[in-house]
Amino acid sequence: MTDTPDSPDLTDSIAAFIAGARWFGGKGRDFHVTGVRRLGTVGEHPGVVIDLAQVTYEGGDTELYQLPLAHYPEAQERLEHALVGTVDDPDLGPSYVYDALHDREAMAHLLRAFAAEESAGALGFHRLPGYDLDLDAHSTRFSGEQSNSTVMFGDDSLLKVFRKITPGANPDVAIHEVLTRAGSDHVAALYGWLEVTAPPGSGEGPLQLAMLQQFLRTASDGWDLALASIRNLFAEGDLHADEVGGDFAGESARLGESLAEVHRVLAEHFPTRRRPADEMAALGAAMTSRLDAALAVAPDLEPHGPALREIFAAVGHLDGIEVQQVHGDLHLGQTLRTVKGWKVVDFEGEPAKPLAERLLPDSVWRDVAGMLRSFDYAPGVASHSLGNADGGASQRAFRAAEWSARNCSAFLDAYIGREPTEAERTLLAAYEADKAVYEVVYEVRNRPKWVDIPMAAIERLAHR
């Protein structure tokens, strides 16, 4: 990578900034910033300077991270918390450099550039028709994210800034564009996106840097709503899940219907195909391989190993399974409930997977399994948060299982609208078990006291 702003102090400041950022995916690994490419500057005094930093790890593998920065000739007390460093920039001179996403003046330039569909150097702002942006809306940095960064413009729109950049179409942009143009009611409408187009003849895809979309004013997080329902159930010691005022089954059914509609539209606008027997065998083998790796981390899985291997082997006997564009990382935390119904968000897929893999067609049952695991996980998390101070853990475990079964059934019945075929049952069981194995490994490594939640699912899935 060409280091366009060739300044050692800039590179050092960027390295320190990246290392401390929540969105940096290489925490715990030794790295160096081996190049900084300036993609362009949007606006003036201060503009938003968009740099692309190349991170090189020991061993030689590299990643690209986007850095929208604001350069000031003097220190800005209001932005002290967002200081990246002080540098002598070859293009801009001596500067105090700040993370531009915290700077309302800088972010106003980006919003106006979207409205005007400007070009700034290699940067291109693209818009979808049908919505006029509120250019007077003030920006507010949202602090709750991990892998990306989001800025809210009043209650009008959201700017999602992708931090780790991979050349090629970002599925979050591509899928939102298709669903927005199709008039889907189950996503936040896409207003536009920012990208750098690859030079002609390079053979590379674009660098998609950010997307601007509808702000869902009335939205409530699906995970939070589920937890509230479960706590309501736990508070009513003598009632069943279908008897309490916070019963969630109706919402689960509506969510199932919403996902089915999203899948239908995606199948209409993205390529679909049938996965032959050799690919299904490879899928089953990959699941088995992940189980083998998990056993080294979580030996408690061993008694269930034979049954799990049988579930995964059954996938290899399937043939002609239809695949299409899916969400790829679906759970309750990727859903929002609004006054106009459920919305599905964050179509980037699993962040750990390469971009090319996230763009490949997959089975809709992967998404369904992700939701079922989420419905099963929520009551376990709610129960753990209460501890056992009142001695009611065993009763809560029974009621948690009741809540999970009720909501899984409501969601699945509404999603499919019929009895699943034998092949669909086989696929769903395998995807659920594969996800539960992943969860066991995660909890062993991060929250050992919670490992009983996915282990209970493993026992149920392996021996039903």
Foldseek 3Di string as FASTA:
>chain_A
DAAVQPFPQVQVLVVVVLQPALQNPPHPFDKGFPHKAFQFWFDPPWTWTKIWTWIATPVGDIWIFIAGKTWDQDDDPQQPVFFSAWTQTPVPGTTGIGRCLQPQVHVLRVVVCLQVQDAGRQKTKFFDDDDHADSPFTWDWDDPDGNWTWIDRHQFKIKIWGTTWDWDDQQQVVLLQLCQVVVQPAAFHWTIWMWGQDPPPPPIHITTTITMTGRQPFKDQQLVLLLVLLVQVVVPLPDALVPTPSNCLVQLLLVLLSQLVSVVSQPVPWDKWFAALVVQQVQLVVLLVLLVVLCVLPVVCVVLNVLLNVLSNVSSVDGRHMWTQHQAQAESRQWIQGPSGIHGHDSSHDPVDDSVVNRDTDHNLLNLLRHLLRLLQSLLVSLVVVPCPVVCSVVSVVSSVSSSVSSNVSSVCSNPVDDDDPSSVSVNLNSNLSVLSVVLSVCSVPPVVSSVSSVVVSVVSSPD
